[in-house]
Amino acid sequence: MLPGMNPKMLKQAMKKMGVKQQEIDAYEVIIKTNNGDYVIKNPEVMKINMMGQESLQVVGDMQLVENKIKEDDVKLVMEQTNCSEEEAVNMLKKTSGDIAQAILELTQS
């Protein structure tokens, strides 16, 4: 919201401009990346539709949880797929540490 502006007036102005908003009741939002996951606790999530384009606005307590790859997991993937350590680590990062998915993807390629 804009400081000093009546929320009701702001909502009316946005409606006149064709902007639709819908609050989404969420208790946690997770954004997954190759380097880690952004976990947003106690989020306020707003879905905004402006001229056919949908976007999300998320506000909350955010923290970065790094994807730590365990050495035993790397060894297991290497043994099952006959790949290099670098390939195993990269695939485990790509699959957020999911060993089975990493093995499947390495054996299918």
N, C-alpha and C. Protein backbone atom coordinates (compact mmCIF):
# COMPACT_ATOMS: atom_id res chain seq x y z
N MET A 1 0.83 -1.19 0.00
CA MET A 1 0.00 0.00 0.00
C MET A 1 0.87 1.25 0.00
N LEU A 2 0.30 2.31 -0.50
CA LEU A 2 1.00 3.58 -0.53
C LEU A 2 0.76 4.32 0.79
N PRO A 3 1.82 4.83 1.40
CA PRO A 3 1.65 5.52 2.68
C PRO A 3 0.79 6.76 2.52
N GLY A 4 -0.09 6.97 3.49
CA GLY A 4 -0.93 8.16 3.49
C GLY A 4 -2.14 8.09 2.57
N MET A 5 -2.36 6.98 1.89
CA MET A 5 -3.50 6.87 0.99
C MET A 5 -4.53 5.93 1.59
N ASN A 6 -5.77 6.33 1.50
CA ASN A 6 -6.87 5.53 1.99
C ASN A 6 -6.93 4.23 1.21
N PRO A 7 -6.84 3.06 1.87
CA PRO A 7 -6.85 1.77 1.16
C PRO A 7 -8.10 1.57 0.30
N LYS A 8 -9.23 2.08 0.77
CA LYS A 8 -10.46 1.93 -0.01
C LYS A 8 -10.39 2.74 -1.31
N MET A 9 -9.84 3.95 -1.23
CA MET A 9 -9.70 4.80 -2.43
C MET A 9 -8.69 4.19 -3.40
N LEU A 10 -7.61 3.62 -2.84
CA LEU A 10 -6.60 2.99 -3.68
C LEU A 10 -7.21 1.81 -4.43
N LYS A 11 -8.01 1.02 -3.75
CA LYS A 11 -8.66 -0.13 -4.37
C LYS A 11 -9.60 0.32 -5.50
N GLN A 12 -10.33 1.39 -5.28
CA GLN A 12 -11.23 1.92 -6.31
C GLN A 12 -10.44 2.43 -7.51
N ALA A 13 -9.34 3.11 -7.25
CA ALA A 13 -8.51 3.64 -8.34
C ALA A 13 -7.93 2.51 -9.17
N MET A 14 -7.49 1.46 -8.51
CA MET A 14 -6.91 0.33 -9.23
C MET A 14 -7.99 -0.38 -10.05
N LYS A 15 -9.19 -0.45 -9.52
CA LYS A 15 -10.29 -1.08 -10.24
C LYS A 15 -10.60 -0.29 -11.51
N LYS A 16 -10.57 1.03 -11.43
CA LYS A 16 -10.81 1.88 -12.60
C LYS A 16 -9.74 1.67 -13.67
N MET A 17 -8.52 1.36 -13.25
CA MET A 17 -7.42 1.13 -14.19
C MET A 17 -7.42 -0.30 -14.72
N GLY A 18 -8.35 -1.12 -14.29
CA GLY A 18 -8.43 -2.49 -14.76
C GLY A 18 -7.51 -3.46 -14.02
N VAL A 19 -7.08 -3.06 -12.85
CA VAL A 19 -6.20 -3.91 -12.05
C VAL A 19 -7.05 -4.67 -11.03
N LYS A 20 -6.96 -6.00 -11.09
CA LYS A 20 -7.71 -6.84 -10.16
C LYS A 20 -6.74 -7.46 -9.19
N GLN A 21 -7.12 -7.48 -7.92
CA GLN A 21 -6.28 -8.07 -6.89
C GLN A 21 -7.05 -9.15 -6.15
N GLN A 22 -6.32 -10.20 -5.78
CA GLN A 22 -6.93 -11.27 -5.01
C GLN A 22 -5.90 -11.73 -3.97
N GLU A 23 -6.31 -11.72 -2.71
CA GLU A 23 -5.41 -12.18 -1.66
C GLU A 23 -5.41 -13.71 -1.65
N ILE A 24 -4.22 -14.28 -1.52
CA ILE A 24 -4.07 -15.73 -1.46
C ILE A 24 -3.69 -16.09 -0.03
N ASP A 25 -4.47 -16.97 0.59
CA ASP A 25 -4.22 -17.38 1.96
C ASP A 25 -3.10 -18.42 1.97
N ALA A 26 -1.89 -18.00 2.32
CA ALA A 26 -0.73 -18.90 2.33
C ALA A 26 -0.05 -18.82 3.69
N TYR A 27 0.55 -19.92 4.11
CA TYR A 27 1.28 -19.91 5.38
C TYR A 27 2.79 -19.97 5.16
N GLU A 28 3.23 -20.32 3.93
CA GLU A 28 4.65 -20.37 3.61
C GLU A 28 4.82 -20.32 2.09
N VAL A 29 5.84 -19.61 1.64
CA VAL A 29 6.17 -19.54 0.22
C VAL A 29 7.62 -19.98 0.07
N ILE A 30 7.87 -20.88 -0.89
CA ILE A 30 9.22 -21.36 -1.14
C ILE A 30 9.59 -21.08 -2.60
N ILE A 31 10.71 -20.41 -2.79
CA ILE A 31 11.22 -20.15 -4.12
C ILE A 31 12.51 -20.96 -4.25
N LYS A 32 12.51 -21.93 -5.15
CA LYS A 32 13.65 -22.83 -5.30
C LYS A 32 14.61 -22.28 -6.36
N THR A 33 15.89 -22.25 -6.02
CA THR A 33 16.93 -21.85 -6.96
C THR A 33 18.03 -22.91 -6.92
N ASN A 34 18.98 -22.84 -7.83
CA ASN A 34 20.09 -23.79 -7.84
C ASN A 34 21.00 -23.64 -6.63
N ASN A 35 21.06 -22.44 -6.06
CA ASN A 35 21.96 -22.20 -4.94
C ASN A 35 21.30 -22.37 -3.58
N GLY A 36 19.99 -22.44 -3.55
CA GLY A 36 19.29 -22.57 -2.28
C GLY A 36 17.83 -22.24 -2.45
N ASP A 37 17.10 -22.36 -1.36
CA ASP A 37 15.68 -22.07 -1.39
C ASP A 37 15.40 -20.84 -0.54
N TYR A 38 14.59 -19.93 -1.07
CA TYR A 38 14.12 -18.79 -0.30
C TYR A 38 12.82 -19.20 0.35
N VAL A 39 12.80 -19.21 1.68
CA VAL A 39 11.61 -19.59 2.42
C VAL A 39 11.04 -18.32 3.05
N ILE A 40 9.77 -18.06 2.75
CA ILE A 40 9.11 -16.87 3.27
C ILE A 40 8.02 -17.32 4.23
N LYS A 41 8.23 -17.03 5.50
CA LYS A 41 7.27 -17.39 6.56
C LYS A 41 6.31 -16.22 6.77
N ASN A 42 5.11 -16.55 7.21
CA ASN A 42 4.07 -15.55 7.48
C ASN A 42 3.88 -14.60 6.29
N PRO A 43 3.70 -15.14 5.10
CA PRO A 43 3.62 -14.27 3.93
C PRO A 43 2.25 -13.62 3.76
N GLU A 44 2.28 -12.47 3.14
CA GLU A 44 1.07 -11.84 2.62
C GLU A 44 1.23 -11.94 1.11
N VAL A 45 0.36 -12.72 0.47
CA VAL A 45 0.48 -12.97 -0.96
C VAL A 45 -0.71 -12.35 -1.67
N MET A 46 -0.41 -11.55 -2.68
CA MET A 46 -1.44 -10.88 -3.45
C MET A 46 -1.26 -11.25 -4.93
N LYS A 47 -2.32 -11.80 -5.53
CA LYS A 47 -2.30 -12.08 -6.97
C LYS A 47 -2.88 -10.87 -7.67
N ILE A 48 -2.13 -10.34 -8.63
CA ILE A 48 -2.53 -9.12 -9.32
C ILE A 48 -2.68 -9.42 -10.80
N ASN A 49 -3.83 -9.04 -11.35
CA ASN A 49 -4.08 -9.21 -12.78
C ASN A 49 -4.21 -7.82 -13.38
N MET A 50 -3.25 -7.48 -14.25
CA MET A 50 -3.26 -6.17 -14.89
C MET A 50 -3.18 -6.37 -16.40
N MET A 51 -4.27 -6.06 -17.07
CA MET A 51 -4.35 -6.17 -18.52
C MET A 51 -3.98 -7.59 -18.99
N GLY A 52 -4.48 -8.60 -18.31
CA GLY A 52 -4.26 -9.98 -18.70
C GLY A 52 -2.98 -10.60 -18.21
N GLN A 53 -2.09 -9.81 -17.63
CA GLN A 53 -0.83 -10.32 -17.08
C GLN A 53 -1.00 -10.57 -15.58
N GLU A 54 -0.75 -11.80 -15.16
CA GLU A 54 -0.85 -12.11 -13.74
C GLU A 54 0.53 -12.09 -13.10
N SER A 55 0.58 -11.55 -11.90
CA SER A 55 1.82 -11.55 -11.12
C SER A 55 1.47 -11.73 -9.66
N LEU A 56 2.48 -12.09 -8.89
CA LEU A 56 2.31 -12.28 -7.46
C LEU A 56 3.19 -11.29 -6.72
N GLN A 57 2.63 -10.75 -5.65
CA GLN A 57 3.39 -9.89 -4.76
C GLN A 57 3.46 -10.61 -3.42
N VAL A 58 4.67 -10.85 -2.93
CA VAL A 58 4.86 -11.59 -1.69
C VAL A 58 5.65 -10.74 -0.71
N VAL A 59 5.11 -10.61 0.49
CA VAL A 59 5.77 -9.87 1.56
C VAL A 59 5.79 -10.77 2.78
N GLY A 60 6.93 -10.85 3.46
CA GLY A 60 7.00 -11.68 4.66
C GLY A 60 8.41 -11.79 5.19
N ASP A 61 8.60 -12.71 6.12
CA ASP A 61 9.90 -12.94 6.74
C ASP A 61 10.67 -13.94 5.89
N MET A 62 11.69 -13.46 5.16
CA MET A 62 12.39 -14.30 4.19
C MET A 62 13.76 -14.73 4.73
N GLN A 63 14.09 -15.98 4.44
CA GLN A 63 15.43 -16.49 4.77
C GLN A 63 15.90 -17.40 3.64
N LEU A 64 17.20 -17.44 3.44
CA LEU A 64 17.80 -18.30 2.42
C LEU A 64 18.28 -19.58 3.08
N VAL A 65 17.82 -20.70 2.56
CA VAL A 65 18.26 -22.01 3.03
C VAL A 65 19.11 -22.60 1.92
N GLU A 66 20.41 -22.69 2.17
CA GLU A 66 21.31 -23.18 1.13
C GLU A 66 21.14 -24.68 0.94
N ASN A 67 21.24 -25.10 -0.31
CA ASN A 67 21.18 -26.53 -0.64
C ASN A 67 22.54 -27.13 -0.36
N LYS A 68 22.66 -27.81 0.75
CA LYS A 68 23.93 -28.45 1.10
C LYS A 68 23.87 -29.90 0.62
N ILE A 69 24.81 -30.24 -0.22
CA ILE A 69 24.87 -31.58 -0.79
C ILE A 69 25.79 -32.44 0.08
N LYS A 70 25.27 -33.57 0.54
CA LYS A 70 26.04 -34.46 1.40
C LYS A 70 27.00 -35.31 0.56
N GLU A 71 28.17 -35.53 1.13
CA GLU A 71 29.21 -36.31 0.43
C GLU A 71 28.73 -37.73 0.13
N ASP A 72 28.00 -38.32 1.08
CA ASP A 72 27.48 -39.69 0.86
C ASP A 72 26.50 -39.73 -0.31
N ASP A 73 25.70 -38.67 -0.46
CA ASP A 73 24.75 -38.61 -1.57
C ASP A 73 25.49 -38.53 -2.91
N VAL A 74 26.56 -37.75 -2.93
CA VAL A 74 27.35 -37.61 -4.15
C VAL A 74 27.96 -38.96 -4.53
N LYS A 75 28.51 -39.66 -3.54
CA LYS A 75 29.12 -40.97 -3.80
C LYS A 75 28.09 -41.97 -4.33
N LEU A 76 26.90 -41.97 -3.73
CA LEU A 76 25.85 -42.88 -4.17
C LEU A 76 25.44 -42.61 -5.62
N VAL A 77 25.26 -41.34 -5.96
CA VAL A 77 24.90 -40.98 -7.34
C VAL A 77 26.01 -41.38 -8.30
N MET A 78 27.26 -41.15 -7.91
CA MET A 78 28.40 -41.53 -8.75
C MET A 78 28.44 -43.04 -8.98
N GLU A 79 28.21 -43.81 -7.92
CA GLU A 79 28.25 -45.27 -8.03
C GLU A 79 27.13 -45.79 -8.94
N GLN A 80 25.94 -45.20 -8.81
CA GLN A 80 24.78 -45.69 -9.56
C GLN A 80 24.80 -45.27 -11.03
N THR A 81 25.50 -44.19 -11.33
CA THR A 81 25.44 -43.65 -12.70
C THR A 81 26.79 -43.66 -13.42
N ASN A 82 27.85 -44.01 -12.72
CA ASN A 82 29.20 -43.96 -13.30
C ASN A 82 29.55 -42.58 -13.84
N CYS A 83 29.11 -41.54 -13.14
CA CYS A 83 29.43 -40.18 -13.58
C CYS A 83 30.54 -39.61 -12.71
N SER A 84 31.02 -38.43 -13.08
CA SER A 84 32.06 -37.77 -12.31
C SER A 84 31.46 -37.11 -11.07
N GLU A 85 32.33 -36.74 -10.15
CA GLU A 85 31.88 -36.05 -8.94
C GLU A 85 31.19 -34.73 -9.29
N GLU A 86 31.78 -34.01 -10.23
CA GLU A 86 31.22 -32.72 -10.64
C GLU A 86 29.81 -32.89 -11.21
N GLU A 87 29.62 -33.90 -12.05
CA GLU A 87 28.29 -34.15 -12.63
C GLU A 87 27.28 -34.52 -11.54
N ALA A 88 27.71 -35.34 -10.58
CA ALA A 88 26.82 -35.75 -9.49
C ALA A 88 26.40 -34.55 -8.64
N VAL A 89 27.36 -33.71 -8.29
CA VAL A 89 27.08 -32.52 -7.47
C VAL A 89 26.13 -31.58 -8.22
N ASN A 90 26.42 -31.33 -9.49
CA ASN A 90 25.57 -30.43 -10.28
C ASN A 90 24.14 -30.95 -10.39
N MET A 91 23.99 -32.26 -10.59
CA MET A 91 22.65 -32.82 -10.73
C MET A 91 21.92 -32.81 -9.39
N LEU A 92 22.63 -33.06 -8.31
CA LEU A 92 21.99 -33.00 -6.98
C LEU A 92 21.54 -31.58 -6.66
N LYS A 93 22.33 -30.58 -7.08
CA LYS A 93 21.91 -29.19 -6.90
C LYS A 93 20.67 -28.90 -7.73
N LYS A 94 20.69 -29.38 -8.98
CA LYS A 94 19.56 -29.14 -9.89
C LYS A 94 18.28 -29.77 -9.36
N THR A 95 18.40 -30.93 -8.72
CA THR A 95 17.22 -31.65 -8.22
C THR A 95 16.96 -31.37 -6.73
N SER A 96 17.58 -30.32 -6.21
CA SER A 96 17.42 -29.93 -4.80
C SER A 96 17.73 -31.07 -3.84
N GLY A 97 18.73 -31.86 -4.18
CA GLY A 97 19.17 -32.93 -3.30
C GLY A 97 18.38 -34.22 -3.41
N ASP A 98 17.48 -34.31 -4.38
CA ASP A 98 16.68 -35.53 -4.58
C ASP A 98 17.55 -36.57 -5.28
N ILE A 99 18.01 -37.55 -4.50
CA ILE A 99 18.96 -38.55 -5.01
C ILE A 99 18.36 -39.37 -6.15
N ALA A 100 17.13 -39.85 -5.95
CA ALA A 100 16.49 -40.69 -6.97
C ALA A 100 16.32 -39.94 -8.29
N GLN A 101 15.88 -38.68 -8.19
CA GLN A 101 15.69 -37.87 -9.39
C GLN A 101 17.03 -37.60 -10.09
N ALA A 102 18.07 -37.35 -9.29
CA ALA A 102 19.40 -37.11 -9.87
C ALA A 102 19.88 -38.33 -10.63
N ILE A 103 19.69 -39.52 -10.05
CA ILE A 103 20.10 -40.76 -10.71
C ILE A 103 19.31 -40.96 -11.99
N LEU A 104 18.00 -40.74 -11.93
CA LEU A 104 17.16 -40.90 -13.12
C LEU A 104 17.60 -39.98 -14.25
N GLU A 105 17.82 -38.73 -13.91
CA GLU A 105 18.19 -37.76 -14.95
C GLU A 105 19.55 -38.06 -15.54
N LEU A 106 20.49 -38.51 -14.72
CA LEU A 106 21.82 -38.83 -15.25
C LEU A 106 21.83 -40.10 -16.09
N THR A 107 20.99 -41.05 -15.76
CA THR A 107 20.96 -42.30 -16.53
C THR A 107 20.15 -42.14 -17.83
N GLN A 108 19.25 -41.16 -17.87
CA GLN A 108 18.45 -40.94 -19.07
C GLN A 108 19.17 -40.08 -20.10
N SER A 109 20.16 -39.33 -19.66
CA SER A 109 20.85 -38.46 -20.63
C SER A 109 22.07 -39.08 -21.23
